[in-house]
């Protein structure tokens, strides 16, 4: 593998066989210049995406508590213009949201063309926590995998680039991060008894994630499993994957912007020739 395990077909997934401490042979000091270069390139690509407005980009971040969803957003999007980026956090659904189908609130938050949309948790909660906690009957959540696939197919056919990341940490690393929060007075605000309750259901969550990854990995909307025990490598892997996915679109975005620039310039020259505007 390179930086991530990419899944684009319905093959079985065994998370226990994938090392969350994998770092592609890199050391932390090696990653610093690589990350800086990727951040700059991502900032440039996002600017082109925003200006051309040909595509939307949807970045889905899933993972167990403490896997680093917030940290990934902070570090990977460091050079992105906030004007063209929107982050949506999916918490427990409201009464209004529960009165609609499970994708209603999700579809309303998808990014329009030109925008980077980032989901911190997502529609996958409806086949993860909903399944583990038995919040709905099994036939209900079982039917949602195909609904999710059709939903994501609709998005990609409409010009949205869908990039899904599972931040894969070990149970041991999660335990250490929770203990770190307990002893660090400046991080205790992050503590939640719910995190510990969900941690007790670790095996059930791993099974739920394995099924979601296997059943909802498609050619157009693949899953990327990101080794996340090392925070610096997690950030590097996500940044590299996003940039690698967007590079092929750069020429199209540049061509569109150049054509638009020529049209605008010709319109300006015509106005000048007619005396409608001054130099």
C-alpha atoms as a PDB file:
ATOM      1  CA  UNK A   1       0.000   0.000   0.000  1.00  0.00           C
ATOM      2  CA  UNK A   2       0.925   3.669  -0.147  1.00  0.00           C
ATOM      3  CA  UNK A   3      -0.516   6.046   2.415  1.00  0.00           C
ATOM      4  CA  UNK A   4      -4.062   4.581   2.636  1.00  0.00           C
ATOM      5  CA  UNK A   5      -5.965   1.413   1.846  1.00  0.00           C
ATOM      6  CA  UNK A   6      -8.372   2.299  -0.975  1.00  0.00           C
ATOM      7  CA  UNK A   7     -11.579   0.283  -1.315  1.00  0.00           C
ATOM      8  CA  UNK A   8     -13.612   0.636  -4.484  1.00  0.00           C
ATOM      9  CA  UNK A   9     -15.365  -2.729  -4.658  1.00  0.00           C
ATOM     10  CA  UNK A  10     -17.430  -4.864  -2.358  1.00  0.00           C
ATOM     11  CA  UNK A  11     -14.617  -7.075  -1.055  1.00  0.00           C
ATOM     12  CA  UNK A  12     -14.700  -8.146   2.611  1.00  0.00           C
ATOM     13  CA  UNK A  13     -12.827  -5.894   5.045  1.00  0.00           C
ATOM     14  CA  UNK A  14     -10.928  -7.065   8.121  1.00  0.00           C
ATOM     15  CA  UNK A  15      -9.775  -4.044  10.080  1.00  0.00           C
ATOM     16  CA  UNK A  16      -7.763  -6.246  12.419  1.00  0.00           C
ATOM     17  CA  UNK A  17      -5.450  -7.071   9.505  1.00  0.00           C
ATOM     18  CA  UNK A  18      -4.696  -3.390   8.798  1.00  0.00           C
ATOM     19  CA  UNK A  19      -2.023  -1.751  10.944  1.00  0.00           C
ATOM     20  CA  UNK A  20      -3.213   1.615  12.318  1.00  0.00           C
ATOM     21  CA  UNK A  21       0.430   2.540  13.032  1.00  0.00           C
ATOM     22  CA  UNK A  22       1.479   2.172   9.390  1.00  0.00           C
ATOM     23  CA  UNK A  23       3.520   5.193   8.238  1.00  0.00           C
ATOM     24  CA  UNK A  24       4.799   4.179   4.775  1.00  0.00           C
ATOM     25  CA  UNK A  25       8.368   4.092   6.073  1.00  0.00           C
ATOM     26  CA  UNK A  26       8.293   7.787   6.956  1.00  0.00           C
ATOM     27  CA  UNK A  27       9.391   9.544  10.118  1.00  0.00           C
ATOM     28  CA  UNK A  28       7.619  12.588  11.509  1.00  0.00           C
ATOM     29  CA  UNK A  29      10.396  14.923  10.359  1.00  0.00           C
ATOM     30  CA  UNK A  30      10.086  13.525   6.820  1.00  0.00           C
ATOM     31  CA  UNK A  31       6.421  14.410   6.732  1.00  0.00           C
ATOM     32  CA  UNK A  32       6.805  18.115   7.523  1.00  0.00           C
ATOM     33  CA  UNK A  33       7.970  19.338   4.073  1.00  0.00           C
ATOM     34  CA  UNK A  34       5.661  16.871   2.333  1.00  0.00           C
ATOM     35  CA  UNK A  35       2.682  18.165   4.291  1.00  0.00           C
ATOM     36  CA  UNK A  36       3.561  21.794   3.643  1.00  0.00           C
ATOM     37  CA  UNK A  37       3.723  21.148  -0.084  1.00  0.00           C
ATOM     38  CA  UNK A  38       0.391  19.328  -0.080  1.00  0.00           C
ATOM     39  CA  UNK A  39      -1.283  22.104   1.904  1.00  0.00           C
ATOM     40  CA  UNK A  40      -0.119  24.693  -0.631  1.00  0.00           C
ATOM     41  CA  UNK A  41      -1.275  22.575  -3.552  1.00  0.00           C
ATOM     42  CA  UNK A  42      -4.620  21.876  -1.923  1.00  0.00           C
ATOM     43  CA  UNK A  43      -5.129  25.595  -1.334  1.00  0.00           C
ATOM     44  CA  UNK A  44      -4.469  26.285  -5.028  1.00  0.00           C
ATOM     45  CA  UNK A  45      -6.753  23.480  -6.203  1.00  0.00           C
ATOM     46  CA  UNK A  46      -9.530  24.656  -3.912  1.00  0.00           C
ATOM     47  CA  UNK A  47      -9.240  28.175  -5.325  1.00  0.00           C
ATOM     48  CA  UNK A  48      -9.559  26.815  -8.870  1.00  0.00           C
ATOM     49  CA  UNK A  49     -12.507  24.618  -7.877  1.00  0.00           C
ATOM     50  CA  UNK A  50     -14.266  27.582  -6.287  1.00  0.00           C
ATOM     51  CA  UNK A  51     -13.677  29.889  -9.253  1.00  0.00           C
ATOM     52  CA  UNK A  52     -14.571  27.360 -11.964  1.00  0.00           C
ATOM     53  CA  UNK A  53     -17.620  26.038 -10.084  1.00  0.00           C
ATOM     54  CA  UNK A  54     -17.740  22.901 -12.240  1.00  0.00           C
ATOM     55  CA  UNK A  55     -17.565  20.432  -9.349  1.00  0.00           C
ATOM     56  CA  UNK A  56     -18.340  20.155  -5.685  1.00  0.00           C
ATOM     57  CA  UNK A  57     -16.069  18.191  -3.353  1.00  0.00           C
ATOM     58  CA  UNK A  58     -17.538  16.187  -0.476  1.00  0.00           C
ATOM     59  CA  UNK A  59     -15.077  14.884   2.114  1.00  0.00           C
ATOM     60  CA  UNK A  60     -16.580  12.382   4.566  1.00  0.00           C
ATOM     61  CA  UNK A  61     -14.707  11.726   7.814  1.00  0.00           C
ATOM     62  CA  UNK A  62     -15.701   8.751   9.938  1.00  0.00           C
ATOM     63  CA  UNK A  63     -13.939   7.125  12.851  1.00  0.00           C
ATOM     64  CA  UNK A  64     -14.185   6.132  16.468  1.00  0.00           C
ATOM     65  CA  UNK A  65     -14.034   8.791  19.175  1.00  0.00           C
ATOM     66  CA  UNK A  66     -10.535  10.370  19.399  1.00  0.00           C
ATOM     67  CA  UNK A  67      -9.606   9.140  15.905  1.00  0.00           C
ATOM     68  CA  UNK A  68      -8.914  12.743  14.920  1.00  0.00           C
ATOM     69  CA  UNK A  69     -11.733  14.044  12.767  1.00  0.00           C
ATOM     70  CA  UNK A  70     -11.410  17.577  14.155  1.00  0.00           C
ATOM     71  CA  UNK A  71      -7.611  17.500  13.964  1.00  0.00           C
ATOM     72  CA  UNK A  72      -7.700  16.292  10.378  1.00  0.00           C
ATOM     73  CA  UNK A  73      -9.933  19.172   9.357  1.00  0.00           C
ATOM     74  CA  UNK A  74      -7.731  21.686  11.161  1.00  0.00           C
ATOM     75  CA  UNK A  75      -4.414  20.536   9.706  1.00  0.00           C
ATOM     76  CA  UNK A  76      -5.360  19.335   6.228  1.00  0.00           C
ATOM     77  CA  UNK A  77      -7.453  22.419   5.456  1.00  0.00           C
ATOM     78  CA  UNK A  78      -4.896  24.844   6.870  1.00  0.00           C
ATOM     79  CA  UNK A  79      -4.332  26.576   3.498  1.00  0.00           C
ATOM     80  CA  UNK A  80      -7.898  26.415   2.195  1.00  0.00           C
ATOM     81  CA  UNK A  81      -9.892  29.628   1.852  1.00  0.00           C
ATOM     82  CA  UNK A  82     -12.791  29.403   4.357  1.00  0.00           C
ATOM     83  CA  UNK A  83     -14.996  31.197   1.826  1.00  0.00           C
ATOM     84  CA  UNK A  84     -15.057  28.046  -0.294  1.00  0.00           C
ATOM     85  CA  UNK A  85     -15.253  25.464   2.468  1.00  0.00           C
ATOM     86  CA  UNK A  86     -18.105  24.343   4.718  1.00  0.00           C
ATOM     87  CA  UNK A  87     -17.929  21.882   7.618  1.00  0.00           C
ATOM     88  CA  UNK A  88     -21.044  20.063   8.820  1.00  0.00           C
ATOM     89  CA  UNK A  89     -21.150  18.160  12.109  1.00  0.00           C
ATOM     90  CA  UNK A  90     -23.758  15.430  12.335  1.00  0.00           C
ATOM     91  CA  UNK A  91     -24.886  14.951  15.901  1.00  0.00           C
ATOM     92  CA  UNK A  92     -27.944  13.106  17.212  1.00  0.00           C
ATOM     93  CA  UNK A  93     -30.856  13.958  14.894  1.00  0.00           C
ATOM     94  CA  UNK A  94     -33.482  16.421  16.029  1.00  0.00           C
ATOM     95  CA  UNK A  95     -37.175  15.632  16.238  1.00  0.00           C
ATOM     96  CA  UNK A  96     -37.688  17.402  12.893  1.00  0.00           C
ATOM     97  CA  UNK A  97     -34.908  15.394  11.256  1.00  0.00           C
ATOM     98  CA  UNK A  98     -36.296  12.136  12.637  1.00  0.00           C
ATOM     99  CA  UNK A  99     -39.652  12.945  11.065  1.00  0.00           C
ATOM    100  CA  UNK A 100     -38.005  12.724   7.612  1.00  0.00           C
ATOM    101  CA  UNK A 101     -36.082   9.957   5.879  1.00  0.00           C
ATOM    102  CA  UNK A 102     -32.559   9.450   7.259  1.00  0.00           C
ATOM    103  CA  UNK A 103     -30.883  11.134   4.272  1.00  0.00           C
ATOM    104  CA  UNK A 104     -32.994  14.308   4.412  1.00  0.00           C
ATOM    105  CA  UNK A 105     -30.676  16.278   6.680  1.00  0.00           C
ATOM    106  CA  UNK A 106     -27.629  14.937   4.856  1.00  0.00           C
ATOM    107  CA  UNK A 107     -28.726  15.900   1.347  1.00  0.00           C
ATOM    108  CA  UNK A 108     -29.526  19.411   2.554  1.00  0.00           C
ATOM    109  CA  UNK A 109     -25.893  19.781   3.718  1.00  0.00           C
ATOM    110  CA  UNK A 110     -24.154  18.549   0.565  1.00  0.00           C
ATOM    111  CA  UNK A 111     -21.935  21.181  -1.068  1.00  0.00           C
ATOM    112  CA  UNK A 112     -22.904  23.128  -4.155  1.00  0.00           C
ATOM    113  CA  UNK A 113     -20.545  23.362  -7.134  1.00  0.00           C
ATOM    114  CA  UNK A 114     -17.356  25.213  -6.274  1.00  0.00           C
ATOM    115  CA  UNK A 115     -17.518  24.336  -2.577  1.00  0.00           C
ATOM    116  CA  UNK A 116     -15.531  21.920  -0.452  1.00  0.00           C
ATOM    117  CA  UNK A 117     -17.988  20.272   1.935  1.00  0.00           C
ATOM    118  CA  UNK A 118     -16.624  18.331   4.903  1.00  0.00           C
ATOM    119  CA  UNK A 119     -18.801  15.967   6.905  1.00  0.00           C
ATOM    120  CA  UNK A 120     -17.592  15.325  10.458  1.00  0.00           C
ATOM    121  CA  UNK A 121     -19.533  12.093  10.870  1.00  0.00           C
ATOM    122  CA  UNK A 122     -22.201  11.603   8.247  1.00  0.00           C
ATOM    123  CA  UNK A 123     -25.046   9.512   6.863  1.00  0.00           C
ATOM    124  CA  UNK A 124     -22.983   6.470   7.833  1.00  0.00           C
ATOM    125  CA  UNK A 125     -24.019   6.973  11.448  1.00  0.00           C
ATOM    126  CA  UNK A 126     -27.318   5.441  10.364  1.00  0.00           C
ATOM    127  CA  UNK A 127     -25.621   2.087   9.773  1.00  0.00           C
ATOM    128  CA  UNK A 128     -23.128   2.459  12.642  1.00  0.00           C
ATOM    129  CA  UNK A 129     -24.350   3.854  15.964  1.00  0.00           C
ATOM    130  CA  UNK A 130     -27.941   3.167  14.948  1.00  0.00           C
ATOM    131  CA  UNK A 131     -27.002  -0.473  14.390  1.00  0.00           C
ATOM    132  CA  UNK A 132     -24.792  -0.901  17.452  1.00  0.00           C
ATOM    133  CA  UNK A 133     -27.325   0.649  19.811  1.00  0.00           C
ATOM    134  CA  UNK A 134     -30.296  -1.063  18.126  1.00  0.00           C
ATOM    135  CA  UNK A 135     -32.038   2.282  17.619  1.00  0.00           C
ATOM    136  CA  UNK A 136     -34.040   0.880  14.710  1.00  0.00           C
ATOM    137  CA  UNK A 137     -34.937  -2.701  13.744  1.00  0.00           C
ATOM    138  CA  UNK A 138     -32.303  -4.642  11.777  1.00  0.00           C
ATOM    139  CA  UNK A 139     -34.322  -4.744   8.513  1.00  0.00           C
ATOM    140  CA  UNK A 140     -34.369  -0.938   8.580  1.00  0.00           C
ATOM    141  CA  UNK A 141     -30.622  -0.388   8.856  1.00  0.00           C
ATOM    142  CA  UNK A 142     -29.888  -3.313   6.552  1.00  0.00           C
ATOM    143  CA  UNK A 143     -31.807  -1.562   3.785  1.00  0.00           C
ATOM    144  CA  UNK A 144     -29.828   1.625   4.180  1.00  0.00           C
ATOM    145  CA  UNK A 145     -26.582   0.411   2.573  1.00  0.00           C
ATOM    146  CA  UNK A 146     -28.131   0.355  -0.892  1.00  0.00           C
ATOM    147  CA  UNK A 147     -29.886   3.673  -0.241  1.00  0.00           C
ATOM    148  CA  UNK A 148     -26.521   5.209   0.657  1.00  0.00           C
ATOM    149  CA  UNK A 149     -24.949   3.830  -2.511  1.00  0.00           C
ATOM    150  CA  UNK A 150     -27.716   5.263  -4.673  1.00  0.00           C
ATOM    151  CA  UNK A 151     -27.478   8.596  -2.867  1.00  0.00           C
ATOM    152  CA  UNK A 152     -23.733   8.833  -3.455  1.00  0.00           C
ATOM    153  CA  UNK A 153     -24.189   7.785  -7.075  1.00  0.00           C
ATOM    154  CA  UNK A 154     -26.624  10.665  -7.523  1.00  0.00           C
ATOM    155  CA  UNK A 155     -24.074  13.065  -6.061  1.00  0.00           C
ATOM    156  CA  UNK A 156     -21.242  11.875  -8.317  1.00  0.00           C
ATOM    157  CA  UNK A 157     -23.434  11.980 -11.421  1.00  0.00           C
ATOM    158  CA  UNK A 158     -24.237  15.589 -10.518  1.00  0.00           C
ATOM    159  CA  UNK A 159     -20.562  16.589 -10.475  1.00  0.00           C
ATOM    160  CA  UNK A 160     -19.639  16.020  -6.838  1.00  0.00           C
ATOM    161  CA  UNK A 161     -16.288  14.408  -6.057  1.00  0.00           C
ATOM    162  CA  UNK A 162     -16.969  12.110  -3.091  1.00  0.00           C
ATOM    163  CA  UNK A 163     -13.961  11.219  -0.917  1.00  0.00           C
ATOM    164  CA  UNK A 164     -14.668   9.038   2.114  1.00  0.00           C
ATOM    165  CA  UNK A 165     -12.127   8.480   4.892  1.00  0.00           C
ATOM    166  CA  UNK A 166     -12.252   6.040   7.787  1.00  0.00           C
ATOM    167  CA  UNK A 167      -9.717   7.147  10.402  1.00  0.00           C
ATOM    168  CA  UNK A 168      -8.463   3.798  11.652  1.00  0.00           C
ATOM    169  CA  UNK A 169      -7.051   3.828  15.195  1.00  0.00           C
ATOM    170  CA  UNK A 170      -6.345   0.957  17.530  1.00  0.00           C
ATOM    171  CA  UNK A 171      -8.298   0.318  20.698  1.00  0.00           C
ATOM    172  CA  UNK A 172      -5.061   0.822  22.651  1.00  0.00           C
ATOM    173  CA  UNK A 173      -4.407   4.226  21.061  1.00  0.00           C
ATOM    174  CA  UNK A 174      -7.953   5.362  21.779  1.00  0.00           C
ATOM    175  CA  UNK A 175      -7.500   4.397  25.418  1.00  0.00           C
ATOM    176  CA  UNK A 176      -4.283   6.402  25.626  1.00  0.00           C
ATOM    177  CA  UNK A 177      -5.880   9.473  24.081  1.00  0.00           C
ATOM    178  CA  UNK A 178      -8.769   9.304  26.521  1.00  0.00           C
ATOM    179  CA  UNK A 179      -6.348   9.019  29.452  1.00  0.00           C
ATOM    180  CA  UNK A 180      -4.384  11.979  28.091  1.00  0.00           C
ATOM    181  CA  UNK A 181      -7.529  14.060  28.207  1.00  0.00           C
ATOM    182  CA  UNK A 182      -8.075  13.125  31.824  1.00  0.00           C
ATOM    183  CA  UNK A 183      -4.634  14.257  32.978  1.00  0.00           C
ATOM    184  CA  UNK A 184      -4.400  17.407  30.813  1.00  0.00           C
ATOM    185  CA  UNK A 185      -6.430  20.121  32.538  1.00  0.00           C
ATOM    186  CA  UNK A 186      -6.619  22.082  29.270  1.00  0.00           C
ATOM    187  CA  UNK A 187      -8.148  19.117  27.431  1.00  0.00           C
ATOM    188  CA  UNK A 188     -10.584  17.883  30.039  1.00  0.00           C
ATOM    189  CA  UNK A 189     -13.361  19.810  28.332  1.00  0.00           C
ATOM    190  CA  UNK A 190     -13.207  17.127  25.622  1.00  0.00           C
ATOM    191  CA  UNK A 191     -14.078  14.375  28.106  1.00  0.00           C
ATOM    192  CA  UNK A 192     -17.452  12.699  27.750  1.00  0.00           C
ATOM    193  CA  UNK A 193     -18.868   9.728  29.591  1.00  0.00           C
ATOM    194  CA  UNK A 194     -20.489   8.743  26.307  1.00  0.00           C
ATOM    195  CA  UNK A 195     -17.042   8.138  24.799  1.00  0.00           C
ATOM    196  CA  UNK A 196     -16.349   5.501  27.430  1.00  0.00           C
ATOM    197  CA  UNK A 197     -19.748   3.874  26.948  1.00  0.00           C
ATOM    198  CA  UNK A 198     -19.156   3.612  23.200  1.00  0.00           C
ATOM    199  CA  UNK A 199     -15.630   2.318  23.793  1.00  0.00           C
ATOM    200  CA  UNK A 200     -17.133  -0.646  25.637  1.00  0.00           C
ATOM    201  CA  UNK A 201     -18.881  -1.551  22.381  1.00  0.00           C
ATOM    202  CA  UNK A 202     -15.623  -1.600  20.373  1.00  0.00           C
ATOM    203  CA  UNK A 203     -16.070  -5.081  18.811  1.00  0.00           C
ATOM    204  CA  UNK A 204     -19.606  -4.241  17.687  1.00  0.00           C
ATOM    205  CA  UNK A 205     -18.423  -0.982  16.129  1.00  0.00           C
ATOM    206  CA  UNK A 206     -15.589  -2.717  14.287  1.00  0.00           C
ATOM    207  CA  UNK A 207     -18.073  -5.180  12.795  1.00  0.00           C
ATOM    208  CA  UNK A 208     -20.410  -2.341  11.831  1.00  0.00           C
ATOM    209  CA  UNK A 209     -17.557  -0.412  10.204  1.00  0.00           C
ATOM    210  CA  UNK A 210     -16.313  -3.470   8.317  1.00  0.00           C
ATOM    211  CA  UNK A 211     -19.763  -4.011   6.846  1.00  0.00           C
ATOM    212  CA  UNK A 212     -20.245  -0.337   5.953  1.00  0.00           C
ATOM    213  CA  UNK A 213     -16.820  -0.133   4.308  1.00  0.00           C
ATOM    214  CA  UNK A 214     -17.337  -3.318   2.311  1.00  0.00           C
ATOM    215  CA  UNK A 215     -20.917  -2.671   1.241  1.00  0.00           C
ATOM    216  CA  UNK A 216     -20.561   1.040   0.413  1.00  0.00           C
ATOM    217  CA  UNK A 217     -17.183   1.142  -1.361  1.00  0.00           C
ATOM    218  CA  UNK A 218     -17.778   1.887  -5.039  1.00  0.00           C
ATOM    219  CA  UNK A 219     -15.702   2.943  -8.012  1.00  0.00           C
ATOM    220  CA  UNK A 220     -17.146   6.458  -7.954  1.00  0.00           C
ATOM    221  CA  UNK A 221     -17.253   6.848  -4.172  1.00  0.00           C
ATOM    222  CA  UNK A 222     -14.439   4.706  -2.743  1.00  0.00           C
ATOM    223  CA  UNK A 223     -13.550   4.358   0.902  1.00  0.00           C
ATOM    224  CA  UNK A 224     -10.053   5.206   2.097  1.00  0.00           C
ATOM    225  CA  UNK A 225      -8.899   3.542   5.303  1.00  0.00           C
ATOM    226  CA  UNK A 226      -6.358   5.866   6.925  1.00  0.00           C
ATOM    227  CA  UNK A 227      -3.807   4.588   9.489  1.00  0.00           C
ATOM    228  CA  UNK A 228      -4.439   7.051  12.314  1.00  0.00           C
ATOM    229  CA  UNK A 229      -2.479   6.030  15.401  1.00  0.00           C
ATOM    230  CA  UNK A 230       0.162   8.562  14.328  1.00  0.00           C
ATOM    231  CA  UNK A 231      -1.583  11.904  13.984  1.00  0.00           C
ATOM    232  CA  UNK A 232       1.043  13.416  11.695  1.00  0.00           C
ATOM    233  CA  UNK A 233       0.770  10.514   9.268  1.00  0.00           C
ATOM    234  CA  UNK A 234      -3.038  10.606   9.353  1.00  0.00           C
ATOM    235  CA  UNK A 235      -2.978  14.233   8.265  1.00  0.00           C
ATOM    236  CA  UNK A 236      -0.409  13.568   5.553  1.00  0.00           C
ATOM    237  CA  UNK A 237      -2.345  10.570   4.198  1.00  0.00           C
ATOM    238  CA  UNK A 238      -5.646  12.447   3.984  1.00  0.00           C
ATOM    239  CA  UNK A 239      -4.057  15.508   2.356  1.00  0.00           C
ATOM    240  CA  UNK A 240      -2.201  13.359  -0.177  1.00  0.00           C
ATOM    241  CA  UNK A 241      -5.352  11.432  -1.090  1.00  0.00           C
ATOM    242  CA  UNK A 242      -7.436  14.574  -1.614  1.00  0.00           C
ATOM    243  CA  UNK A 243      -4.787  16.265  -3.742  1.00  0.00           C
ATOM    244  CA  UNK A 244      -4.234  13.111  -5.773  1.00  0.00           C
ATOM    245  CA  UNK A 245      -7.974  12.894  -6.499  1.00  0.00           C
ATOM    246  CA  UNK A 246      -8.294  16.552  -7.548  1.00  0.00           C
ATOM    247  CA  UNK A 247      -5.174  16.925  -9.692  1.00  0.00           C
ATOM    248  CA  UNK A 248      -6.812  15.368 -12.787  1.00  0.00           C
ATOM    249  CA  UNK A 249      -9.483  18.104 -12.699  1.00  0.00           C
ATOM    250  CA  UNK A 250      -7.000  20.993 -12.680  1.00  0.00           C
ATOM    251  CA  UNK A 251      -6.700  21.337 -16.466  1.00  0.00           C
ATOM    252  CA  UNK A 252     -10.475  21.380 -16.891  1.00  0.00           C
ATOM    253  CA  UNK A 253     -10.864  24.069 -14.234  1.00  0.00           C
ATOM    254  CA  UNK A 254      -8.049  26.173 -15.736  1.00  0.00           C
ATOM    255  CA  UNK A 255      -9.475  25.867 -19.262  1.00  0.00           C
ATOM    256  CA  UNK A 256     -12.889  26.996 -18.065  1.00  0.00           C
ATOM    257  CA  UNK A 257     -11.432  29.981 -16.247  1.00  0.00           C
ATOM    258  CA  UNK A 258      -9.300  31.019 -19.226  1.00  0.00           C
ATOM    259  CA  UNK A 259     -12.306  30.800 -21.551  1.00  0.00           C
ATOM    260  CA  UNK A 260     -14.349  32.862 -19.116  1.00  0.00           C
ATOM    261  CA  UNK A 261     -11.526  35.387 -18.878  1.00  0.00           C
ATOM    262  CA  UNK A 262     -11.401  35.764 -22.654  1.00  0.00           C
ATOM    263  CA  UNK A 263     -15.176  36.285 -22.819  1.00  0.00           C
ATOM    264  CA  UNK A 264     -15.022  38.903 -20.097  1.00  0.00           C
ATOM    265  CA  UNK A 265     -12.133  40.665 -21.805  1.00  0.00           C
ATOM    266  CA  UNK A 266     -13.906  40.723 -25.173  1.00  0.00           C
ATOM    267  CA  UNK A 267     -17.013  42.121 -23.520  1.00  0.00           C
ATOM    268  CA  UNK A 268     -14.921  44.850 -21.915  1.00  0.00           C
ATOM    269  CA  UNK A 269     -13.284  45.751 -25.249  1.00  0.00           C
ATOM    270  CA  UNK A 270     -16.710  45.998 -26.904  1.00  0.00           C
ATOM    271  CA  UNK A 271     -17.930  48.348 -24.198  1.00  0.00           C
ATOM    272  CA  UNK A 272     -14.839  50.492 -24.560  1.00  0.00           C
ATOM    273  CA  UNK A 273     -15.238  50.644 -28.325  1.00  0.00           C
ATOM    274  CA  UNK A 274     -18.801  51.837 -27.835  1.00  0.00           C
ATOM    275  CA  UNK A 275     -17.647  54.477 -25.362  1.00  0.00           C
ATOM    276  CA  UNK A 276     -19.708  52.893 -22.615  1.00  0.00           C
ATOM    277  CA  UNK A 277     -16.801  52.609 -20.171  1.00  0.00           C
ATOM    278  CA  UNK A 278     -13.624  54.591 -19.611  1.00  0.00           C
ATOM    279  CA  UNK A 279     -10.131  53.146 -19.531  1.00  0.00           C
END
